[in-house]
Amino acid sequence: YIAGLFILMTSVIIVKGKTLSILLYFGFNML
């Protein structure tokens, strides 16, 4: 659960809070 939050936070920071963060989050999870 904590790892998922860190992945999500990384995604949010990279694209500065845009909705694209969710797609990036799924991409990181797949990786």
Full PDB file with SEQRES, HELIX, SHEET, SSBOND, CRYST1, ORIGX, SCALE, CONECT and MASTER records, all heavy atoms in Angstrom:
SEQRES   1 A   31  TYR ILE ALA GLY LEU PHE ILE LEU MET THR SER VAL ILE          
SEQRES   2 A   31  ILE VAL LYS GLY LYS THR LEU SER ILE LEU LEU TYR PHE          
SEQRES   3 A   31  GLY PHE ASN MET LEU                                          
HELIX    1 AA1 ILE A    2  ILE A   14  1                                  13    
HELIX    2 AA2 LEU A   20  MET A   30  1                                  11    
CRYST1    1.000    1.000    1.000  90.00  90.00  90.00 P 1           1          
ORIGX1      1.000000  0.000000  0.000000        0.00000                         
ORIGX2      0.000000  1.000000  0.000000        0.00000                         
ORIGX3      0.000000  0.000000  1.000000        0.00000                         
SCALE1      1.000000  0.000000  0.000000        0.00000                         
SCALE2      0.000000  1.000000  0.000000        0.00000                         
SCALE3      0.000000  0.000000  1.000000        0.00000                         
ATOM      1  N   TYR A   1       0.830  -1.205   0.000  1.00  0.00           N  
ATOM      2  CA  TYR A   1       0.000   0.000   0.000  1.00  0.00           C  
ATOM      3  C   TYR A   1       0.870   1.262   0.000  1.00  0.00           C  
ATOM      4  O   TYR A   1       0.646   2.190  -0.785  1.00  0.00           O  
ATOM      5  CB  TYR A   1      -0.916  -0.015   1.214  1.00  0.00           C  
ATOM      6  CG  TYR A   1      -1.609   1.292   1.481  1.00  0.00           C  
ATOM      7  CD1 TYR A   1      -2.651   1.728   0.675  1.00  0.00           C  
ATOM      8  CD2 TYR A   1      -1.204   2.105   2.537  1.00  0.00           C  
ATOM      9  CE1 TYR A   1      -3.276   2.935   0.915  1.00  0.00           C  
ATOM     10  CE2 TYR A   1      -1.824   3.311   2.785  1.00  0.00           C  
ATOM     11  CZ  TYR A   1      -2.863   3.725   1.967  1.00  0.00           C  
ATOM     12  OH  TYR A   1      -3.476   4.928   2.205  1.00  0.00           O  
ATOM     13  N   ILE A   2       1.888   1.284   0.871  1.00  0.00           N  
ATOM     14  CA  ILE A   2       2.775   2.445   0.946  1.00  0.00           C  
ATOM     15  C   ILE A   2       3.551   2.609  -0.355  1.00  0.00           C  
ATOM     16  O   ILE A   2       3.735   3.728  -0.855  1.00  0.00           O  
ATOM     17  CB  ILE A   2       3.737   2.307   2.143  1.00  0.00           C  
ATOM     18  CG1 ILE A   2       2.943   2.311   3.454  1.00  0.00           C  
ATOM     19  CG2 ILE A   2       4.764   3.438   2.150  1.00  0.00           C  
ATOM     20  CD1 ILE A   2       3.784   2.030   4.690  1.00  0.00           C  
ATOM     21  N   ALA A   3       4.010   1.490  -0.941  1.00  0.00           N  
ATOM     22  CA  ALA A   3       4.721   1.549  -2.216  1.00  0.00           C  
ATOM     23  C   ALA A   3       3.826   2.143  -3.300  1.00  0.00           C  
ATOM     24  O   ALA A   3       4.283   2.954  -4.122  1.00  0.00           O  
ATOM     25  CB  ALA A   3       5.191   0.152  -2.619  1.00  0.00           C  
ATOM     26  N   GLY A   4       2.544   1.760  -3.302  1.00  0.00           N  
ATOM     27  CA  GLY A   4       1.614   2.321  -4.283  1.00  0.00           C  
ATOM     28  C   GLY A   4       1.474   3.828  -4.132  1.00  0.00           C  
ATOM     29  O   GLY A   4       1.413   4.560  -5.133  1.00  0.00           O  
ATOM     30  N   LEU A   5       1.442   4.319  -2.895  1.00  0.00           N  
ATOM     31  CA  LEU A   5       1.352   5.765  -2.664  1.00  0.00           C  
ATOM     32  C   LEU A   5       2.606   6.487  -3.153  1.00  0.00           C  
ATOM     33  O   LEU A   5       2.521   7.570  -3.732  1.00  0.00           O  
ATOM     34  CB  LEU A   5       1.134   6.055  -1.179  1.00  0.00           C  
ATOM     35  CG  LEU A   5      -0.267   5.826  -0.623  1.00  0.00           C  
ATOM     36  CD1 LEU A   5      -0.314   6.197   0.848  1.00  0.00           C  
ATOM     37  CD2 LEU A   5      -1.302   6.643  -1.393  1.00  0.00           C  
ATOM     38  N   PHE A   6       3.774   5.884  -2.925  1.00  0.00           N  
ATOM     39  CA  PHE A   6       5.011   6.507  -3.392  1.00  0.00           C  
ATOM     40  C   PHE A   6       5.074   6.528  -4.919  1.00  0.00           C  
ATOM     41  O   PHE A   6       5.561   7.500  -5.512  1.00  0.00           O  
ATOM     42  CB  PHE A   6       6.224   5.779  -2.814  1.00  0.00           C  
ATOM     43  CG  PHE A   6       6.654   6.298  -1.476  1.00  0.00           C  
ATOM     44  CD1 PHE A   6       6.188   5.726  -0.301  1.00  0.00           C  
ATOM     45  CD2 PHE A   6       7.517   7.376  -1.377  1.00  0.00           C  
ATOM     46  CE1 PHE A   6       6.572   6.214   0.937  1.00  0.00           C  
ATOM     47  CE2 PHE A   6       7.911   7.873  -0.146  1.00  0.00           C  
ATOM     48  CZ  PHE A   6       7.440   7.287   1.020  1.00  0.00           C  
ATOM     49  N   ILE A   7       4.587   5.459  -5.553  1.00  0.00           N  
ATOM     50  CA  ILE A   7       4.539   5.442  -7.016  1.00  0.00           C  
ATOM     51  C   ILE A   7       3.593   6.526  -7.525  1.00  0.00           C  
ATOM     52  O   ILE A   7       3.903   7.253  -8.486  1.00  0.00           O  
ATOM     53  CB  ILE A   7       4.098   4.056  -7.525  1.00  0.00           C  
ATOM     54  CG1 ILE A   7       5.155   3.002  -7.200  1.00  0.00           C  
ATOM     55  CG2 ILE A   7       3.848   4.093  -9.036  1.00  0.00           C  
ATOM     56  CD1 ILE A   7       4.724   1.578  -7.515  1.00  0.00           C  
ATOM     57  N   LEU A   8       2.433   6.655  -6.872  1.00  0.00           N  
ATOM     58  CA  LEU A   8       1.469   7.679  -7.265  1.00  0.00           C  
ATOM     59  C   LEU A   8       2.031   9.075  -7.049  1.00  0.00           C  
ATOM     60  O   LEU A   8       1.872   9.963  -7.903  1.00  0.00           O  
ATOM     61  CB  LEU A   8       0.171   7.492  -6.482  1.00  0.00           C  
ATOM     62  CG  LEU A   8      -0.982   8.438  -6.839  1.00  0.00           C  
ATOM     63  CD1 LEU A   8      -1.348   8.323  -8.316  1.00  0.00           C  
ATOM     64  CD2 LEU A   8      -2.195   8.143  -5.971  1.00  0.00           C  
ATOM     65  N   MET A   9       2.718   9.294  -5.935  1.00  0.00           N  
ATOM     66  CA  MET A   9       3.292  10.605  -5.668  1.00  0.00           C  
ATOM     67  C   MET A   9       4.382  10.944  -6.674  1.00  0.00           C  
ATOM     68  O   MET A   9       4.491  12.097  -7.122  1.00  0.00           O  
ATOM     69  CB  MET A   9       3.864  10.658  -4.247  1.00  0.00           C  
ATOM     70  CG  MET A   9       4.264  12.069  -3.822  1.00  0.00           C  
ATOM     71  SD  MET A   9       4.509  12.203  -2.040  1.00  0.00           S  
ATOM     72  CE  MET A   9       4.491  13.986  -1.841  1.00  0.00           C  
ATOM     73  N   THR A  10       5.179   9.949  -7.057  1.00  0.00           N  
ATOM     74  CA  THR A  10       6.195  10.169  -8.082  1.00  0.00           C  
ATOM     75  C   THR A  10       5.545  10.594  -9.391  1.00  0.00           C  
ATOM     76  O   THR A  10       6.006  11.535 -10.060  1.00  0.00           O  
ATOM     77  CB  THR A  10       7.024   8.884  -8.303  1.00  0.00           C  
ATOM     78  OG1 THR A  10       7.620   8.490  -7.075  1.00  0.00           O  
ATOM     79  CG2 THR A  10       8.112   9.109  -9.344  1.00  0.00           C  
ATOM     80  N   SER A  11       4.467   9.918  -9.759  1.00  0.00           N  
ATOM     81  CA  SER A  11       3.757  10.245 -10.989  1.00  0.00           C  
ATOM     82  C   SER A  11       3.194  11.664 -10.937  1.00  0.00           C  
ATOM     83  O   SER A  11       3.274  12.412 -11.916  1.00  0.00           O  
ATOM     84  CB  SER A  11       2.616   9.242 -11.223  1.00  0.00           C  
ATOM     85  OG  SER A  11       3.095   7.917 -11.225  1.00  0.00           O  
ATOM     86  N   VAL A  12       2.618  12.032  -9.789  1.00  0.00           N  
ATOM     87  CA  VAL A  12       2.040  13.369  -9.626  1.00  0.00           C  
ATOM     88  C   VAL A  12       3.119  14.441  -9.740  1.00  0.00           C  
ATOM     89  O   VAL A  12       2.923  15.472 -10.410  1.00  0.00           O  
ATOM     90  CB  VAL A  12       1.314  13.478  -8.269  1.00  0.00           C  
ATOM     91  CG1 VAL A  12       0.954  14.925  -7.956  1.00  0.00           C  
ATOM     92  CG2 VAL A  12       0.059  12.614  -8.275  1.00  0.00           C  
ATOM     93  N   ILE A  13       4.263  14.214  -9.114  1.00  0.00           N  
ATOM     94  CA  ILE A  13       5.341  15.202  -9.144  1.00  0.00           C  
ATOM     95  C   ILE A  13       5.914  15.356 -10.547  1.00  0.00           C  
ATOM     96  O   ILE A  13       6.181  16.475 -11.004  1.00  0.00           O  
ATOM     97  CB  ILE A  13       6.444  14.815  -8.138  1.00  0.00           C  
ATOM     98  CG1 ILE A  13       5.937  15.001  -6.708  1.00  0.00           C  
ATOM     99  CG2 ILE A  13       7.707  15.641  -8.359  1.00  0.00           C  
ATOM    100  CD1 ILE A  13       6.877  14.493  -5.640  1.00  0.00           C  
ATOM    101  N   ILE A  14       6.077  14.252 -11.269  1.00  0.00           N  
ATOM    102  CA  ILE A  14       6.688  14.307 -12.605  1.00  0.00           C  
ATOM    103  C   ILE A  14       5.862  15.164 -13.557  1.00  0.00           C  
ATOM    104  O   ILE A  14       6.401  15.966 -14.331  1.00  0.00           O  
ATOM    105  CB  ILE A  14       6.870  12.879 -13.169  1.00  0.00           C  
ATOM    106  CG1 ILE A  14       7.993  12.157 -12.422  1.00  0.00           C  
ATOM    107  CG2 ILE A  14       7.190  12.922 -14.667  1.00  0.00           C  
ATOM    108  CD1 ILE A  14       8.167  10.712 -12.822  1.00  0.00           C  
ATOM    109  N   VAL A  15       4.539  15.000 -13.527  1.00  0.00           N  
ATOM    110  CA  VAL A  15       3.685  15.758 -14.466  1.00  0.00           C  
ATOM    111  C   VAL A  15       2.947  16.902 -13.773  1.00  0.00           C  
ATOM    112  O   VAL A  15       1.978  17.444 -14.307  1.00  0.00           O  
ATOM    113  CB  VAL A  15       2.680  14.818 -15.177  1.00  0.00           C  
ATOM    114  CG1 VAL A  15       3.401  13.819 -16.040  1.00  0.00           C  
ATOM    115  CG2 VAL A  15       1.782  14.106 -14.180  1.00  0.00           C  
ATOM    116  N   LYS A  16       3.390  17.256 -12.570  1.00  0.00           N  
ATOM    117  CA  LYS A  16       2.881  18.413 -11.833  1.00  0.00           C  
ATOM    118  C   LYS A  16       1.369  18.373 -11.597  1.00  0.00           C  
ATOM    119  O   LYS A  16       0.657  19.352 -11.820  1.00  0.00           O  
ATOM    120  CB  LYS A  16       3.259  19.703 -12.557  1.00  0.00           C  
ATOM    121  CG  LYS A  16       4.760  19.959 -12.612  1.00  0.00           C  
ATOM    122  CD  LYS A  16       5.083  21.296 -13.247  1.00  0.00           C  
ATOM    123  CE  LYS A  16       6.572  21.562 -13.226  1.00  0.00           C  
ATOM    124  NZ  LYS A  16       6.919  22.875 -13.818  1.00  0.00           N  
ATOM    125  N   GLY A  17       0.883  17.211 -11.156  1.00  0.00           N  
ATOM    126  CA  GLY A  17      -0.497  17.107 -10.725  1.00  0.00           C  
ATOM    127  C   GLY A  17      -1.534  16.973 -11.813  1.00  0.00           C  
ATOM    128  O   GLY A  17      -2.732  16.999 -11.519  1.00  0.00           O  
ATOM    129  N   LYS A  18      -1.119  16.798 -13.056  1.00  0.00           N  
ATOM    130  CA  LYS A  18      -2.092  16.646 -14.144  1.00  0.00           C  
ATOM    131  C   LYS A  18      -2.735  15.265 -14.087  1.00  0.00           C  
ATOM    132  O   LYS A  18      -2.192  14.331 -13.500  1.00  0.00           O  
ATOM    133  CB  LYS A  18      -1.412  16.857 -15.493  1.00  0.00           C  
ATOM    134  CG  LYS A  18      -0.850  18.270 -15.669  1.00  0.00           C  
ATOM    135  CD  LYS A  18      -0.121  18.406 -16.987  1.00  0.00           C  
ATOM    136  CE  LYS A  18       0.478  19.802 -17.122  1.00  0.00           C  
ATOM    137  NZ  LYS A  18       1.294  19.940 -18.349  1.00  0.00           N  
ATOM    138  N   THR A  19      -3.905  15.150 -14.739  1.00  0.00           N  
ATOM    139  CA  THR A  19      -4.626  13.879 -14.732  1.00  0.00           C  
ATOM    140  C   THR A  19      -3.801  12.768 -15.383  1.00  0.00           C  
ATOM    141  O   THR A  19      -4.004  11.583 -15.090  1.00  0.00           O  
ATOM    142  CB  THR A  19      -5.969  14.032 -15.467  1.00  0.00           C  
ATOM    143  OG1 THR A  19      -6.660  15.160 -14.921  1.00  0.00           O  
ATOM    144  CG2 THR A  19      -6.841  12.801 -15.299  1.00  0.00           C  
ATOM    145  N   LEU A  20      -2.868  13.151 -16.237  1.00  0.00           N  
ATOM    146  CA  LEU A  20      -1.971  12.183 -16.868  1.00  0.00           C  
ATOM    147  C   LEU A  20      -1.195  11.376 -15.826  1.00  0.00           C  
ATOM    148  O   LEU A  20      -0.684  10.291 -16.125  1.00  0.00           O  
ATOM    149  CB  LEU A  20      -0.997  12.918 -17.798  1.00  0.00           C  
ATOM    150  CG  LEU A  20      -0.032  12.086 -18.645  1.00  0.00           C  
ATOM    151  CD1 LEU A  20      -0.814  11.205 -19.612  1.00  0.00           C  
ATOM    152  CD2 LEU A  20       0.932  12.985 -19.393  1.00  0.00           C  
ATOM    153  N   SER A  21      -1.137  11.894 -14.595  1.00  0.00           N  
ATOM    154  CA  SER A  21      -0.446  11.197 -13.504  1.00  0.00           C  
ATOM    155  C   SER A  21      -0.990   9.784 -13.309  1.00  0.00           C  
ATOM    156  O   SER A  21      -0.231   8.859 -13.012  1.00  0.00           O  
ATOM    157  CB  SER A  21      -0.606  11.963 -12.188  1.00  0.00           C  
ATOM    158  OG  SER A  21      -0.250  13.300 -12.315  1.00  0.00           O  
ATOM    159  N   ILE A  22      -2.308   9.619 -13.487  1.00  0.00           N  
ATOM    160  CA  ILE A  22      -2.924   8.309 -13.261  1.00  0.00           C  
ATOM    161  C   ILE A  22      -2.431   7.302 -14.298  1.00  0.00           C  
ATOM    162  O   ILE A  22      -2.114   6.152 -13.966  1.00  0.00           O  
ATOM    163  CB  ILE A  22      -4.461   8.430 -13.294  1.00  0.00           C  
ATOM    164  CG1 ILE A  22      -4.928   9.315 -12.131  1.00  0.00           C  
ATOM    165  CG2 ILE A  22      -5.122   7.060 -13.204  1.00  0.00           C  
ATOM    166  CD1 ILE A  22      -6.418   9.564 -12.096  1.00  0.00           C  
ATOM    167  N   LEU A  23      -2.335   7.734 -15.563  1.00  0.00           N  
ATOM    168  CA  LEU A  23      -1.805   6.842 -16.604  1.00  0.00           C  
ATOM    169  C   LEU A  23      -0.346   6.502 -16.330  1.00  0.00           C  
ATOM    170  O   LEU A  23       0.077   5.352 -16.508  1.00  0.00           O  
ATOM    171  CB  LEU A  23      -1.950   7.494 -17.982  1.00  0.00           C  
ATOM    172  CG  LEU A  23      -3.379   7.716 -18.484  1.00  0.00           C  
ATOM    173  CD1 LEU A  23      -3.361   8.416 -19.841  1.00  0.00           C  
ATOM    174  CD2 LEU A  23      -4.121   6.395 -18.579  1.00  0.00           C  
ATOM    175  N   LEU A  24       0.407   7.507 -15.903  1.00  0.00           N  
ATOM    176  CA  LEU A  24       1.811   7.265 -15.573  1.00  0.00           C  
ATOM    177  C   LEU A  24       1.928   6.309 -14.391  1.00  0.00           C  
ATOM    178  O   LEU A  24       2.806   5.440 -14.357  1.00  0.00           O  
ATOM    179  CB  LEU A  24       2.497   8.597 -15.254  1.00  0.00           C  
ATOM    180  CG  LEU A  24       4.022   8.567 -15.068  1.00  0.00           C  
ATOM    181  CD1 LEU A  24       4.708   8.044 -16.321  1.00  0.00           C  
ATOM    182  CD2 LEU A  24       4.534   9.958 -14.721  1.00  0.00           C  
ATOM    183  N   TYR A  25       1.022   6.445 -13.439  1.00  0.00           N  
ATOM    184  CA  TYR A  25       0.975   5.546 -12.278  1.00  0.00           C  
ATOM    185  C   TYR A  25       0.758   4.095 -12.715  1.00  0.00           C  
ATOM    186  O   TYR A  25       1.449   3.189 -12.249  1.00  0.00           O  
ATOM    187  CB  TYR A  25      -0.142   6.012 -11.345  1.00  0.00           C  
ATOM    188  CG  TYR A  25      -0.545   5.022 -10.279  1.00  0.00           C  
ATOM    189  CD1 TYR A  25       0.266   4.796  -9.166  1.00  0.00           C  
ATOM    190  CD2 TYR A  25      -1.749   4.318 -10.385  1.00  0.00           C  
ATOM    191  CE1 TYR A  25      -0.119   3.893  -8.187  1.00  0.00           C  
ATOM    192  CE2 TYR A  25      -2.130   3.419  -9.411  1.00  0.00           C  
ATOM    193  CZ  TYR A  25      -1.309   3.220  -8.312  1.00  0.00           C  
ATOM    194  OH  TYR A  25      -1.686   2.319  -7.350  1.00  0.00           O  
ATOM    195  N   PHE A  26      -0.190   3.886 -13.622  1.00  0.00           N  
ATOM    196  CA  PHE A  26      -0.426   2.530 -14.123  1.00  0.00           C  
ATOM    197  C   PHE A  26       0.789   2.010 -14.886  1.00  0.00           C  
ATOM    198  O   PHE A  26       1.131   0.823 -14.804  1.00  0.00           O  
ATOM    199  CB  PHE A  26      -1.670   2.497 -15.012  1.00  0.00           C  
ATOM    200  CG  PHE A  26      -2.959   2.545 -14.251  1.00  0.00           C  
ATOM    201  CD1 PHE A  26      -3.872   3.562 -14.454  1.00  0.00           C  
ATOM    202  CD2 PHE A  26      -3.272   1.569 -13.316  1.00  0.00           C  
ATOM    203  CE1 PHE A  26      -5.066   3.613 -13.753  1.00  0.00           C  
ATOM    204  CE2 PHE A  26      -4.454   1.597 -12.601  1.00  0.00           C  
ATOM    205  CZ  PHE A  26      -5.355   2.625 -12.827  1.00  0.00           C  
ATOM    206  N   GLY A  27       1.430   2.893 -15.641  1.00  0.00           N  
ATOM    207  CA  GLY A  27       2.632   2.488 -16.365  1.00  0.00           C  
ATOM    208  C   GLY A  27       3.749   2.058 -15.427  1.00  0.00           C  
ATOM    209  O   GLY A  27       4.402   1.021 -15.646  1.00  0.00           O  
ATOM    210  N   PHE A  28       3.976   2.840 -14.374  1.00  0.00           N  
ATOM    211  CA  PHE A  28       4.995   2.471 -13.373  1.00  0.00           C  
ATOM    212  C   PHE A  28       4.644   1.154 -12.694  1.00  0.00           C  
ATOM    213  O   PHE A  28       5.517   0.318 -12.430  1.00  0.00           O  
ATOM    214  CB  PHE A  28       5.129   3.578 -12.325  1.00  0.00           C  
ATOM    215  CG  PHE A  28       5.963   4.744 -12.753  1.00  0.00           C  
ATOM    216  CD1 PHE A  28       5.604   6.041 -12.415  1.00  0.00           C  
ATOM    217  CD2 PHE A  28       7.123   4.558 -13.487  1.00  0.00           C  
ATOM    218  CE1 PHE A  28       6.371   7.124 -12.802  1.00  0.00           C  
ATOM    219  CE2 PHE A  28       7.906   5.641 -13.885  1.00  0.00           C  
ATOM    220  CZ  PHE A  28       7.522   6.930 -13.540  1.00  0.00           C  
ATOM    221  N   ASN A  29       3.352   0.966 -12.398  1.00  0.00           N  
ATOM    222  CA  ASN A  29       2.925  -0.280 -11.756  1.00  0.00           C  
ATOM    223  C   ASN A  29       3.169  -1.487 -12.655  1.00  0.00           C  
ATOM    224  O   ASN A  29       3.575  -2.550 -12.176  1.00  0.00           O  
ATOM    225  CB  ASN A  29       1.440  -0.206 -11.382  1.00  0.00           C  
ATOM    226  CG  ASN A  29       1.223   0.298  -9.968  1.00  0.00           C  
ATOM    227  OD1 ASN A  29       1.881  -0.151  -9.037  1.00  0.00           O  
ATOM    228  ND2 ASN A  29       0.324   1.236  -9.803  1.00  0.00           N  
ATOM    229  N   MET A  30       2.902  -1.316 -13.942  1.00  0.00           N  
ATOM    230  CA  MET A  30       3.169  -2.395 -14.888  1.00  0.00           C  
ATOM    231  C   MET A  30       4.659  -2.713 -14.942  1.00  0.00           C  
ATOM    232  O   MET A  30       5.064  -3.884 -14.965  1.00  0.00           O  
ATOM    233  CB  MET A  30       2.649  -2.017 -16.280  1.00  0.00           C  
ATOM    234  CG  MET A  30       1.139  -1.970 -16.387  1.00  0.00           C  
ATOM    235  SD  MET A  30       0.555  -1.363 -17.988  1.00  0.00           S  
ATOM    236  CE  MET A  30       1.203  -2.648 -19.063  1.00  0.00           C  
ATOM    237  N   LEU A  31       5.477  -1.666 -14.952  1.00  0.00           N  
ATOM    238  CA  LEU A  31       6.931  -1.865 -14.974  1.00  0.00           C  
ATOM    239  C   LEU A  31       7.399  -2.585 -13.717  1.00  0.00           C  
ATOM    240  O   LEU A  31       8.189  -3.544 -13.790  1.00  0.00           O  
ATOM    241  CB  LEU A  31       7.632  -0.511 -15.107  1.00  0.00           C  
ATOM    242  CG  LEU A  31       9.166  -0.526 -15.082  1.00  0.00           C  
ATOM    243  CD1 LEU A  31       9.705  -1.326 -16.279  1.00  0.00           C  
ATOM    244  CD2 LEU A  31       9.713   0.898 -15.100  1.00  0.00           C  
TER     245      LEU A  31                                                      
MASTER        0    0    0    2    0    0    0    6  244    1    0    3          
END                                                                             
